[in-house]
Amino acid sequence: LLSPEQRERTVFAVDDSEWRRWSNVDVGIYQRQGVSFREMS
């Protein structure tokens, strides 16, 4: 259901360092990858 542009920033290789890019802080402080519920249809 994702658009090509959404897939481009949502799908990574299985061994990508994206696994280790996460934080418990709020969205105003830390920029995240992928598709958010905010923008989903």
PDB file of all heavy atoms in Angstrom:
ATOM      1  N   LEU A   1       0.805  -1.219   0.000  1.00  0.00           N
ATOM      2  CA  LEU A   1       0.000   0.000   0.000  1.00  0.00           C
ATOM      3  C   LEU A   1       0.837   1.268   0.000  1.00  0.00           C
ATOM      4  O   LEU A   1       0.304   2.370  -0.149  1.00  0.00           O
ATOM      5  CB  LEU A   1      -0.938   0.008   1.218  1.00  0.00           C
ATOM      6  CG  LEU A   1      -2.047  -1.054   1.214  1.00  0.00           C
ATOM      7  CD1 LEU A   1      -2.780  -1.047   2.541  1.00  0.00           C
ATOM      8  CD2 LEU A   1      -3.011  -0.817   0.060  1.00  0.00           C
ATOM      9  N   LEU A   2       2.154   1.137   0.177  1.00  0.00           N
ATOM     10  CA  LEU A   2       3.012   2.310   0.206  1.00  0.00           C
ATOM     11  C   LEU A   2       3.292   2.822  -1.203  1.00  0.00           C
ATOM     12  O   LEU A   2       3.394   2.041  -2.151  1.00  0.00           O
ATOM     13  CB  LEU A   2       4.340   1.987   0.890  1.00  0.00           C
ATOM     14  CG  LEU A   2       4.298   1.548   2.352  1.00  0.00           C
ATOM     15  CD1 LEU A   2       5.709   1.333   2.872  1.00  0.00           C
ATOM     16  CD2 LEU A   2       3.560   2.566   3.220  1.00  0.00           C
ATOM     17  N   SER A   3       3.429   4.126  -1.342  1.00  0.00           N
ATOM     18  CA  SER A   3       3.817   4.715  -2.617  1.00  0.00           C
ATOM     19  C   SER A   3       5.302   4.430  -2.856  1.00  0.00           C
ATOM     20  O   SER A   3       6.042   4.091  -1.919  1.00  0.00           O
ATOM     21  CB  SER A   3       3.587   6.222  -2.594  1.00  0.00           C
ATOM     22  OG  SER A   3       4.520   6.840  -1.698  1.00  0.00           O
ATOM     23  N   PRO A   4       5.777   4.554  -4.086  1.00  0.00           N
ATOM     24  CA  PRO A   4       7.212   4.352  -4.349  1.00  0.00           C
ATOM     25  C   PRO A   4       8.094   5.243  -3.482  1.00  0.00           C
ATOM     26  O   PRO A   4       9.142   4.815  -2.988  1.00  0.00           O
ATOM     27  CB  PRO A   4       7.347   4.699  -5.839  1.00  0.00           C
ATOM     28  CG  PRO A   4       6.004   4.376  -6.410  1.00  0.00           C
ATOM     29  CD  PRO A   4       5.020   4.752  -5.341  1.00  0.00           C
ATOM     30  N   GLU A   5       7.681   6.498  -3.276  1.00  0.00           N
ATOM     31  CA  GLU A   5       8.466   7.419  -2.457  1.00  0.00           C
ATOM     32  C   GLU A   5       8.485   6.964  -0.993  1.00  0.00           C
ATOM     33  O   GLU A   5       9.529   7.024  -0.322  1.00  0.00           O
ATOM     34  CB  GLU A   5       7.882   8.829  -2.567  1.00  0.00           C
ATOM     35  CG  GLU A   5       8.705   9.907  -1.873  1.00  0.00           C
ATOM     36  CD  GLU A   5       8.384  10.064  -0.401  1.00  0.00           C
ATOM     37  OE1 GLU A   5       7.227   9.742  -0.016  1.00  0.00           O
ATOM     38  OE2 GLU A   5       9.274  10.471   0.360  1.00  0.00           O
ATOM     39  N   GLN A   6       7.352   6.477  -0.491  1.00  0.00           N
ATOM     40  CA  GLN A   6       7.304   5.981   0.885  1.00  0.00           C
ATOM     41  C   GLN A   6       8.164   4.732   1.057  1.00  0.00           C
ATOM     42  O   GLN A   6       8.867   4.579   2.058  1.00  0.00           O
ATOM     43  CB  GLN A   6       5.850   5.679   1.278  1.00  0.00           C
ATOM     44  CG  GLN A   6       5.002   6.914   1.511  1.00  0.00           C
ATOM     45  CD  GLN A   6       3.544   6.572   1.754  1.00  0.00           C
ATOM     46  OE1 GLN A   6       2.983   5.659   1.113  1.00  0.00           O
ATOM     47  NE2 GLN A   6       2.914   7.277   2.670  1.00  0.00           N
ATOM     48  N   ARG A   7       8.103   3.841   0.084  1.00  0.00           N
ATOM     49  CA  ARG A   7       8.917   2.620   0.139  1.00  0.00           C
ATOM     50  C   ARG A   7      10.416   2.963   0.156  1.00  0.00           C
ATOM     51  O   ARG A   7      11.194   2.326   0.861  1.00  0.00           O
ATOM     52  CB  ARG A   7       8.619   1.705  -1.046  1.00  0.00           C
ATOM     53  CG  ARG A   7       7.298   0.970  -0.970  1.00  0.00           C
ATOM     54  CD  ARG A   7       7.147   0.033  -2.168  1.00  0.00           C
ATOM     55  NE  ARG A   7       8.152  -1.027  -2.143  1.00  0.00           N
ATOM     56  CZ  ARG A   7       7.957  -2.231  -1.625  1.00  0.00           C
ATOM     57  NH1 ARG A   7       6.797  -2.528  -1.074  1.00  0.00           N
ATOM     58  NH2 ARG A   7       8.906  -3.139  -1.670  1.00  0.00           N
ATOM     59  N   GLU A   8      10.779   3.979  -0.600  1.00  0.00           N
ATOM     60  CA  GLU A   8      12.179   4.366  -0.706  1.00  0.00           C
ATOM     61  C   GLU A   8      12.768   4.718   0.655  1.00  0.00           C
ATOM     62  O   GLU A   8      13.919   4.403   0.962  1.00  0.00           O
ATOM     63  CB  GLU A   8      12.316   5.561  -1.662  1.00  0.00           C
ATOM     64  CG  GLU A   8      13.730   6.085  -1.826  1.00  0.00           C
ATOM     65  CD  GLU A   8      14.637   5.123  -2.556  1.00  0.00           C
ATOM     66  OE1 GLU A   8      14.127   4.254  -3.302  1.00  0.00           O
ATOM     67  OE2 GLU A   8      15.875   5.239  -2.368  1.00  0.00           O
ATOM     68  N   ARG A   9      11.975   5.359   1.521  1.00  0.00           N
ATOM     69  CA  ARG A   9      12.493   5.758   2.832  1.00  0.00           C
ATOM     70  C   ARG A   9      12.029   4.852   3.966  1.00  0.00           C
ATOM     71  O   ARG A   9      12.294   5.134   5.128  1.00  0.00           O
ATOM     72  CB  ARG A   9      12.104   7.211   3.128  1.00  0.00           C
ATOM     73  CG  ARG A   9      10.619   7.509   3.049  1.00  0.00           C
ATOM     74  CD  ARG A   9      10.397   9.022   3.177  1.00  0.00           C
ATOM     75  NE  ARG A   9       9.073   9.415   2.758  1.00  0.00           N
ATOM     76  CZ  ARG A   9       8.003   9.461   3.546  1.00  0.00           C
ATOM     77  NH1 ARG A   9       8.115   9.110   4.823  1.00  0.00           N
ATOM     78  NH2 ARG A   9       6.829   9.853   3.082  1.00  0.00           N
ATOM     79  N   THR A  10      11.343   3.777   3.602  1.00  0.00           N
ATOM     80  CA  THR A  10      10.831   2.861   4.628  1.00  0.00           C
ATOM     81  C   THR A  10      11.521   1.507   4.612  1.00  0.00           C
ATOM     82  O   THR A  10      11.683   0.875   5.661  1.00  0.00           O
ATOM     83  CB  THR A  10       9.305   2.653   4.440  1.00  0.00           C
ATOM     84  OG1 THR A  10       8.650   3.913   4.591  1.00  0.00           O
ATOM     85  CG2 THR A  10       8.740   1.666   5.448  1.00  0.00           C
ATOM     86  N   VAL A  11      11.959   1.038   3.458  1.00  0.00           N
ATOM     87  CA  VAL A  11      12.530  -0.308   3.327  1.00  0.00           C
ATOM     88  C   VAL A  11      14.060  -0.219   3.255  1.00  0.00           C
ATOM     89  O   VAL A  11      14.611   0.500   2.424  1.00  0.00           O
ATOM     90  CB  VAL A  11      11.980  -1.029   2.079  1.00  0.00           C
ATOM     91  CG1 VAL A  11      12.588  -2.425   1.973  1.00  0.00           C
ATOM     92  CG2 VAL A  11      10.450  -1.110   2.143  1.00  0.00           C
ATOM     93  N   PHE A  12      14.721  -0.974   4.139  1.00  0.00           N
ATOM     94  CA  PHE A  12      16.175  -1.004   4.223  1.00  0.00           C
ATOM     95  C   PHE A  12      16.658  -2.442   4.079  1.00  0.00           C
ATOM     96  O   PHE A  12      15.877  -3.389   4.197  1.00  0.00           O
ATOM     97  CB  PHE A  12      16.651  -0.451   5.571  1.00  0.00           C
ATOM     98  CG  PHE A  12      16.313   1.002   5.794  1.00  0.00           C
ATOM     99  CD1 PHE A  12      15.039   1.379   6.204  1.00  0.00           C
ATOM    100  CD2 PHE A  12      17.262   1.989   5.584  1.00  0.00           C
ATOM    101  CE1 PHE A  12      14.717   2.707   6.407  1.00  0.00           C
ATOM    102  CE2 PHE A  12      16.952   3.335   5.790  1.00  0.00           C
ATOM    103  CZ  PHE A  12      15.681   3.691   6.197  1.00  0.00           C
ATOM    104  N   ALA A  13      17.947  -2.603   3.860  1.00  0.00           N
ATOM    105  CA  ALA A  13      18.532  -3.941   3.826  1.00  0.00           C
ATOM    106  C   ALA A  13      18.435  -4.574   5.212  1.00  0.00           C
ATOM    107  O   ALA A  13      18.394  -3.875   6.227  1.00  0.00           O
ATOM    108  CB  ALA A  13      19.998  -3.871   3.383  1.00  0.00           C
ATOM    109  N   VAL A  14      18.419  -5.888   5.260  1.00  0.00           N
ATOM    110  CA  VAL A  14      18.223  -6.589   6.524  1.00  0.00           C
ATOM    111  C   VAL A  14      19.371  -6.358   7.494  1.00  0.00           C
ATOM    112  O   VAL A  14      19.193  -6.442   8.719  1.00  0.00           O
ATOM    113  CB  VAL A  14      18.011  -8.103   6.282  1.00  0.00           C
ATOM    114  CG1 VAL A  14      19.323  -8.777   5.832  1.00  0.00           C
ATOM    115  CG2 VAL A  14      17.453  -8.776   7.524  1.00  0.00           C
ATOM    116  N   ASP A  15      20.550  -6.027   6.977  1.00  0.00           N
ATOM    117  CA  ASP A  15      21.703  -5.778   7.849  1.00  0.00           C
ATOM    118  C   ASP A  15      22.045  -4.297   7.938  1.00  0.00           C
ATOM    119  O   ASP A  15      23.141  -3.919   8.332  1.00  0.00           O
ATOM    120  CB  ASP A  15      22.925  -6.562   7.368  1.00  0.00           C
ATOM    121  CG  ASP A  15      23.317  -6.222   5.928  1.00  0.00           C
ATOM    122  OD1 ASP A  15      22.551  -5.502   5.249  1.00  0.00           O
ATOM    123  OD2 ASP A  15      24.387  -6.688   5.484  1.00  0.00           O
ATOM    124  N   ASP A  16      21.093  -3.420   7.619  1.00  0.00           N
ATOM    125  CA  ASP A  16      21.343  -1.985   7.618  1.00  0.00           C
ATOM    126  C   ASP A  16      21.463  -1.452   9.049  1.00  0.00           C
ATOM    127  O   ASP A  16      20.841  -1.975   9.987  1.00  0.00           O
ATOM    128  CB  ASP A  16      20.194  -1.259   6.897  1.00  0.00           C
ATOM    129  CG  ASP A  16      20.564   0.148   6.493  1.00  0.00           C
ATOM    130  OD1 ASP A  16      20.428   1.064   7.334  1.00  0.00           O
ATOM    131  OD2 ASP A  16      21.000   0.346   5.349  1.00  0.00           O
ATOM    132  N   SER A  17      22.249  -0.398   9.204  1.00  0.00           N
ATOM    133  CA  SER A  17      22.418   0.219  10.524  1.00  0.00           C
ATOM    134  C   SER A  17      21.147   0.913  11.001  1.00  0.00           C
ATOM    135  O   SER A  17      21.071   1.354  12.151  1.00  0.00           O
ATOM    136  CB  SER A  17      23.565   1.232  10.495  1.00  0.00           C
ATOM    137  OG  SER A  17      23.283   2.285   9.583  1.00  0.00           O
ATOM    138  N   GLU A  18      20.120   1.000  10.140  1.00  0.00           N
ATOM    139  CA  GLU A  18      18.841   1.570  10.554  1.00  0.00           C
ATOM    140  C   GLU A  18      18.283   0.852  11.783  1.00  0.00           C
ATOM    141  O   GLU A  18      17.583   1.455  12.598  1.00  0.00           O
ATOM    142  CB  GLU A  18      17.840   1.497   9.402  1.00  0.00           C
ATOM    143  CG  GLU A  18      16.409   1.909   9.756  1.00  0.00           C
ATOM    144  CD  GLU A  18      16.289   3.341  10.249  1.00  0.00           C
ATOM    145  OE1 GLU A  18      17.178   4.159   9.943  1.00  0.00           O
ATOM    146  OE2 GLU A  18      15.304   3.641  10.937  1.00  0.00           O
ATOM    147  N   TRP A  19      18.574  -0.427  11.936  1.00  0.00           N
ATOM    148  CA  TRP A  19      18.166  -1.159  13.140  1.00  0.00           C
ATOM    149  C   TRP A  19      18.550  -0.375  14.398  1.00  0.00           C
ATOM    150  O   TRP A  19      17.781  -0.313  15.362  1.00  0.00           O
ATOM    151  CB  TRP A  19      18.845  -2.523  13.192  1.00  0.00           C
ATOM    152  CG  TRP A  19      18.259  -3.641  12.411  1.00  0.00           C
ATOM    153  CD1 TRP A  19      18.841  -4.303  11.363  1.00  0.00           C
ATOM    154  CD2 TRP A  19      16.997  -4.301  12.607  1.00  0.00           C
ATOM    155  NE1 TRP A  19      18.030  -5.307  10.906  1.00  0.00           N
ATOM    156  CE2 TRP A  19      16.886  -5.343  11.660  1.00  0.00           C
ATOM    157  CE3 TRP A  19      15.950  -4.107  13.506  1.00  0.00           C
ATOM    158  CZ2 TRP A  19      15.776  -6.183  11.576  1.00  0.00           C
ATOM    159  CZ3 TRP A  19      14.830  -4.946  13.430  1.00  0.00           C
ATOM    160  CH2 TRP A  19      14.754  -5.961  12.473  1.00  0.00           C
ATOM    161  N   ARG A  20      19.750   0.179  14.396  1.00  0.00           N
ATOM    162  CA  ARG A  20      20.320   0.791  15.594  1.00  0.00           C
ATOM    163  C   ARG A  20      20.011   2.275  15.710  1.00  0.00           C
ATOM    164  O   ARG A  20      20.465   2.937  16.640  1.00  0.00           O
ATOM    165  CB  ARG A  20      21.835   0.551  15.612  1.00  0.00           C
ATOM    166  CG  ARG A  20      22.192  -0.932  15.593  1.00  0.00           C
ATOM    167  CD  ARG A  20      23.683  -1.157  15.388  1.00  0.00           C
ATOM    168  NE  ARG A  20      24.463  -0.660  16.499  1.00  0.00           N
ATOM    169  CZ  ARG A  20      25.785  -0.546  16.499  1.00  0.00           C
ATOM    170  NH1 ARG A  20      26.473  -0.869  15.407  1.00  0.00           N
ATOM    171  NH2 ARG A  20      26.419  -0.077  17.559  1.00  0.00           N
ATOM    172  N   ARG A  21      19.239   2.804  14.762  1.00  0.00           N
ATOM    173  CA  ARG A  21      18.860   4.218  14.794  1.00  0.00           C
ATOM    174  C   ARG A  21      17.476   4.360  15.415  1.00  0.00           C
ATOM    175  O   ARG A  21      16.457   4.311  14.723  1.00  0.00           O
ATOM    176  CB  ARG A  21      18.863   4.801  13.374  1.00  0.00           C
ATOM    177  CG  ARG A  21      20.222   4.807  12.698  1.00  0.00           C
ATOM    178  CD  ARG A  21      20.105   5.345  11.274  1.00  0.00           C
ATOM    179  NE  ARG A  21      21.361   5.257  10.558  1.00  0.00           N
ATOM    180  CZ  ARG A  21      22.315   6.179  10.557  1.00  0.00           C
ATOM    181  NH1 ARG A  21      22.124   7.290  11.252  1.00  0.00           N
ATOM    182  NH2 ARG A  21      23.421   6.016   9.878  1.00  0.00           N
ATOM    183  N   TRP A  22      17.439   4.530  16.715  1.00  0.00           N
ATOM    184  CA  TRP A  22      16.171   4.723  17.405  1.00  0.00           C
ATOM    185  C   TRP A  22      16.410   5.501  18.690  1.00  0.00           C
ATOM    186  O   TRP A  22      17.530   5.547  19.207  1.00  0.00           O
ATOM    187  CB  TRP A  22      15.484   3.390  17.711  1.00  0.00           C
ATOM    188  CG  TRP A  22      16.291   2.428  18.555  1.00  0.00           C
ATOM    189  CD1 TRP A  22      17.144   1.458  18.106  1.00  0.00           C
ATOM    190  CD2 TRP A  22      16.332   2.355  19.985  1.00  0.00           C
ATOM    191  NE1 TRP A  22      17.715   0.775  19.162  1.00  0.00           N
ATOM    192  CE2 TRP A  22      17.233   1.311  20.334  1.00  0.00           C
ATOM    193  CE3 TRP A  22      15.694   3.059  21.014  1.00  0.00           C
ATOM    194  CZ2 TRP A  22      17.508   0.959  21.659  1.00  0.00           C
ATOM    195  CZ3 TRP A  22      15.969   2.712  22.338  1.00  0.00           C
ATOM    196  CH2 TRP A  22      16.858   1.672  22.655  1.00  0.00           C
ATOM    197  N   SER A  23      15.355   6.099  19.198  1.00  0.00           N
ATOM    198  CA  SER A  23      15.460   6.844  20.449  1.00  0.00           C
ATOM    199  C   SER A  23      14.081   6.955  21.072  1.00  0.00           C
ATOM    200  O   SER A  23      13.068   7.003  20.365  1.00  0.00           O
ATOM    201  CB  SER A  23      16.033   8.237  20.201  1.00  0.00           C
ATOM    202  OG  SER A  23      16.092   8.977  21.407  1.00  0.00           O
ATOM    203  N   ASN A  24      14.039   7.046  22.394  1.00  0.00           N
ATOM    204  CA  ASN A  24      12.765   7.185  23.091  1.00  0.00           C
ATOM    205  C   ASN A  24      12.329   8.643  23.231  1.00  0.00           C
ATOM    206  O   ASN A  24      11.260   8.917  23.775  1.00  0.00           O
ATOM    207  CB  ASN A  24      12.839   6.565  24.483  1.00  0.00           C
ATOM    208  CG  ASN A  24      13.915   7.210  25.348  1.00  0.00           C
ATOM    209  OD1 ASN A  24      15.098   6.939  25.155  1.00  0.00           O
ATOM    210  ND2 ASN A  24      13.530   8.073  26.283  1.00  0.00           N
ATOM    211  N   VAL A  25      13.126   9.608  22.738  1.00  0.00           N
ATOM    212  CA  VAL A  25      12.761  11.016  22.905  1.00  0.00           C
ATOM    213  C   VAL A  25      11.712  11.425  21.884  1.00  0.00           C
ATOM    214  O   VAL A  25      11.444  10.714  20.919  1.00  0.00           O
ATOM    215  CB  VAL A  25      14.007  11.924  22.797  1.00  0.00           C
ATOM    216  CG1 VAL A  25      15.008  11.598  23.888  1.00  0.00           C
ATOM    217  CG2 VAL A  25      14.654  11.810  21.422  1.00  0.00           C
ATOM    218  N   ASP A  26      11.133  12.616  22.091  1.00  0.00           N
ATOM    219  CA  ASP A  26      10.003  13.026  21.258  1.00  0.00           C
ATOM    220  C   ASP A  26      10.452  13.447  19.858  1.00  0.00           C
ATOM    221  O   ASP A  26      11.632  13.694  19.599  1.00  0.00           O
ATOM    222  CB  ASP A  26       9.208  14.148  21.937  1.00  0.00           C
ATOM    223  CG  ASP A  26      10.003  15.435  22.080  1.00  0.00           C
ATOM    224  OD1 ASP A  26      10.215  16.113  21.065  1.00  0.00           O
ATOM    225  OD2 ASP A  26      10.397  15.768  23.224  1.00  0.00           O
ATOM    226  N   VAL A  27       9.473  13.539  18.969  1.00  0.00           N
ATOM    227  CA  VAL A  27       9.750  13.803  17.551  1.00  0.00           C
ATOM    228  C   VAL A  27      10.289  15.209  17.316  1.00  0.00           C
ATOM    229  O   VAL A  27      10.913  15.485  16.289  1.00  0.00           O
ATOM    230  CB  VAL A  27       8.473  13.558  16.714  1.00  0.00           C
ATOM    231  CG1 VAL A  27       7.453  14.671  16.946  1.00  0.00           C
ATOM    232  CG2 VAL A  27       8.786  13.410  15.243  1.00  0.00           C
ATOM    233  N   GLY A  28      10.091  16.108  18.267  1.00  0.00           N
ATOM    234  CA  GLY A  28      10.620  17.446  18.132  1.00  0.00           C
ATOM    235  C   GLY A  28      12.122  17.514  18.324  1.00  0.00           C
ATOM    236  O   GLY A  28      12.761  18.505  17.958  1.00  0.00           O
ATOM    237  N   ILE A  29      12.717  16.465  18.882  1.00  0.00           N
ATOM    238  CA  ILE A  29      14.144  16.434  19.188  1.00  0.00           C
ATOM    239  C   ILE A  29      14.912  15.518  18.255  1.00  0.00           C
ATOM    240  O   ILE A  29      16.055  15.792  17.895  1.00  0.00           O
ATOM    241  CB  ILE A  29      14.364  15.972  20.646  1.00  0.00           C
ATOM    242  CG1 ILE A  29      13.679  16.938  21.618  1.00  0.00           C
ATOM    243  CG2 ILE A  29      15.844  15.866  20.977  1.00  0.00           C
ATOM    244  CD1 ILE A  29      13.745  16.487  23.060  1.00  0.00           C
ATOM    245  N   TYR A  30      14.281  14.420  17.834  1.00  0.00           N
ATOM    246  CA  TYR A  30      15.002  13.366  17.113  1.00  0.00           C
ATOM    247  C   TYR A  30      14.295  13.057  15.802  1.00  0.00           C
ATOM    248  O   TYR A  30      13.086  12.780  15.789  1.00  0.00           O
ATOM    249  CB  TYR A  30      15.077  12.114  17.993  1.00  0.00           C
ATOM    250  CG  TYR A  30      15.796  10.947  17.372  1.00  0.00           C
ATOM    251  CD1 TYR A  30      17.192  10.930  17.295  1.00  0.00           C
ATOM    252  CD2 TYR A  30      15.101   9.860  16.865  1.00  0.00           C
ATOM    253  CE1 TYR A  30      17.863   9.856  16.726  1.00  0.00           C
ATOM    254  CE2 TYR A  30      15.750   8.782  16.298  1.00  0.00           C
ATOM    255  CZ  TYR A  30      17.133   8.783  16.232  1.00  0.00           C
ATOM    256  OH  TYR A  30      17.791   7.714  15.664  1.00  0.00           O
ATOM    257  N   GLN A  31      15.040  13.080  14.697  1.00  0.00           N
ATOM    258  CA  GLN A  31      14.473  12.825  13.365  1.00  0.00           C
ATOM    259  C   GLN A  31      14.517  11.335  13.056  1.00  0.00           C
ATOM    260  O   GLN A  31      15.559  10.703  13.170  1.00  0.00           O
ATOM    261  CB  GLN A  31      15.248  13.594  12.299  1.00  0.00           C
ATOM    262  CG  GLN A  31      14.662  13.441  10.905  1.00  0.00           C
ATOM    263  CD  GLN A  31      15.363  14.310   9.883  1.00  0.00           C
ATOM    264  OE1 GLN A  31      16.228  15.104  10.222  1.00  0.00           O
ATOM    265  NE2 GLN A  31      14.984  14.157   8.629  1.00  0.00           N
ATOM    266  N   ARG A  32      13.386  10.800  12.630  1.00  0.00           N
ATOM    267  CA  ARG A  32      13.272   9.366  12.370  1.00  0.00           C
ATOM    268  C   ARG A  32      13.065   9.072  10.884  1.00  0.00           C
ATOM    269  O   ARG A  32      12.660   9.935  10.122  1.00  0.00           O
ATOM    270  CB  ARG A  32      12.117   8.786  13.190  1.00  0.00           C
ATOM    271  CG  ARG A  32      12.390   8.840  14.696  1.00  0.00           C
ATOM    272  CD  ARG A  32      11.158   8.517  15.511  1.00  0.00           C
ATOM    273  NE  ARG A  32      11.509   8.262  16.905  1.00  0.00           N
ATOM    274  CZ  ARG A  32      11.556   9.211  17.844  1.00  0.00           C
ATOM    275  NH1 ARG A  32      11.289  10.467  17.525  1.00  0.00           N
ATOM    276  NH2 ARG A  32      11.889   8.909  19.085  1.00  0.00           N
ATOM    277  N   GLN A  33      13.330   7.819  10.523  1.00  0.00           N
ATOM    278  CA  GLN A  33      13.136   7.351   9.152  1.00  0.00           C
ATOM    279  C   GLN A  33      11.800   6.608   9.053  1.00  0.00           C
ATOM    280  O   GLN A  33      11.163   6.316  10.043  1.00  0.00           O
ATOM    281  CB  GLN A  33      14.280   6.414   8.749  1.00  0.00           C
ATOM    282  CG  GLN A  33      15.667   7.007   8.936  1.00  0.00           C
ATOM    283  CD  GLN A  33      15.881   8.271   8.149  1.00  0.00           C
ATOM    284  OE1 GLN A  33      15.525   8.343   6.972  1.00  0.00           O
ATOM    285  NE2 GLN A  33      16.451   9.286   8.779  1.00  0.00           N
ATOM    286  N   GLY A  34      11.424   6.278   7.828  1.00  0.00           N
ATOM    287  CA  GLY A  34      10.230   5.471   7.616  1.00  0.00           C
ATOM    288  C   GLY A  34       8.989   6.297   7.376  1.00  0.00           C
ATOM    289  O   GLY A  34       9.031   7.491   7.094  1.00  0.00           O
ATOM    290  N   VAL A  35       7.849   5.638   7.502  1.00  0.00           N
ATOM    291  CA  VAL A  35       6.553   6.276   7.288  1.00  0.00           C
ATOM    292  C   VAL A  35       5.825   6.349   8.624  1.00  0.00           C
ATOM    293  O   VAL A  35       5.768   5.369   9.372  1.00  0.00           O
ATOM    294  CB  VAL A  35       5.717   5.496   6.232  1.00  0.00           C
ATOM    295  CG1 VAL A  35       5.486   4.057   6.642  1.00  0.00           C
ATOM    296  CG2 VAL A  35       4.395   6.200   5.961  1.00  0.00           C
ATOM    297  N   SER A  36       5.288   7.516   8.949  1.00  0.00           N
ATOM    298  CA  SER A  36       4.620   7.708  10.235  1.00  0.00           C
ATOM    299  C   SER A  36       3.111   7.562  10.087  1.00  0.00           C
ATOM    300  O   SER A  36       2.554   7.724   8.995  1.00  0.00           O
ATOM    301  CB  SER A  36       4.943   9.085  10.806  1.00  0.00           C
ATOM    302  OG  SER A  36       4.238  10.096  10.108  1.00  0.00           O
ATOM    303  N   PHE A  37       2.465   7.296  11.208  1.00  0.00           N
ATOM    304  CA  PHE A  37       1.007   7.224  11.203  1.00  0.00           C
ATOM    305  C   PHE A  37       0.402   8.579  10.828  1.00  0.00           C
ATOM    306  O   PHE A  37      -0.725   8.639  10.332  1.00  0.00           O
ATOM    307  CB  PHE A  37       0.494   6.766  12.564  1.00  0.00           C
ATOM    308  CG  PHE A  37       0.639   5.294  12.804  1.00  0.00           C
ATOM    309  CD1 PHE A  37       1.823   4.777  13.319  1.00  0.00           C
ATOM    310  CD2 PHE A  37      -0.386   4.422  12.503  1.00  0.00           C
ATOM    311  CE1 PHE A  37       1.965   3.412  13.533  1.00  0.00           C
ATOM    312  CE2 PHE A  37      -0.255   3.057  12.710  1.00  0.00           C
ATOM    313  CZ  PHE A  37       0.935   2.554  13.221  1.00  0.00           C
ATOM    314  N   ARG A  38       1.132   9.664  11.079  1.00  0.00           N
ATOM    315  CA  ARG A  38       0.660  10.999  10.719  1.00  0.00           C
ATOM    316  C   ARG A  38       0.327  11.104   9.234  1.00  0.00           C
ATOM    317  O   ARG A  38      -0.643  11.744   8.841  1.00  0.00           O
ATOM    318  CB  ARG A  38       1.746  12.033  11.032  1.00  0.00           C
ATOM    319  CG  ARG A  38       1.746  12.627  12.416  1.00  0.00           C
ATOM    320  CD  ARG A  38       2.897  13.618  12.543  1.00  0.00           C
ATOM    321  NE  ARG A  38       2.861  14.336  13.811  1.00  0.00           N
ATOM    322  CZ  ARG A  38       3.786  15.202  14.202  1.00  0.00           C
ATOM    323  NH1 ARG A  38       4.820  15.445  13.404  1.00  0.00           N
ATOM    324  NH2 ARG A  38       3.693  15.818  15.359  1.00  0.00           N
ATOM    325  N   GLU A  39       1.178  10.509   8.404  1.00  0.00           N
ATOM    326  CA  GLU A  39       1.050  10.693   6.957  1.00  0.00           C
ATOM    327  C   GLU A  39       0.325   9.549   6.260  1.00  0.00           C
ATOM    328  O   GLU A  39       0.060   9.610   5.068  1.00  0.00           O
ATOM    329  CB  GLU A  39       2.438  10.852   6.326  1.00  0.00           C
ATOM    330  CG  GLU A  39       3.302   9.615   6.421  1.00  0.00           C
ATOM    331  CD  GLU A  39       4.623   9.752   5.676  1.00  0.00           C
ATOM    332  OE1 GLU A  39       4.593   9.711   4.433  1.00  0.00           O
ATOM    333  OE2 GLU A  39       5.645   9.922   6.340  1.00  0.00           O
ATOM    334  N   MET A  40       0.014   8.484   6.978  1.00  0.00           N
ATOM    335  CA  MET A  40      -0.620   7.332   6.342  1.00  0.00           C
ATOM    336  C   MET A  40      -2.038   7.641   5.914  1.00  0.00           C
ATOM    337  O   MET A  40      -2.760   8.382   6.584  1.00  0.00           O
ATOM    338  CB  MET A  40      -0.637   6.133   7.301  1.00  0.00           C
ATOM    339  CG  MET A  40       0.708   5.512   7.578  1.00  0.00           C
ATOM    340  SD  MET A  40       0.524   4.077   8.691  1.00  0.00           S
ATOM    341  CE  MET A  40       2.223   3.800   9.180  1.00  0.00           C
ATOM    342  N   SER A  41      -2.438   7.042   4.804  1.00  0.00           N
ATOM    343  CA  SER A  41      -3.833   7.096   4.379  1.00  0.00           C
ATOM    344  C   SER A  41      -4.644   6.182   5.288  1.00  0.00           C
ATOM    345  O   SER A  41      -4.083   5.346   6.014  1.00  0.00           O
ATOM    346  CB  SER A  41      -3.947   6.613   2.934  1.00  0.00           C
ATOM    347  OG  SER A  41      -3.652   5.214   2.859  1.00  0.00           O
TER     348      SER A  41
END
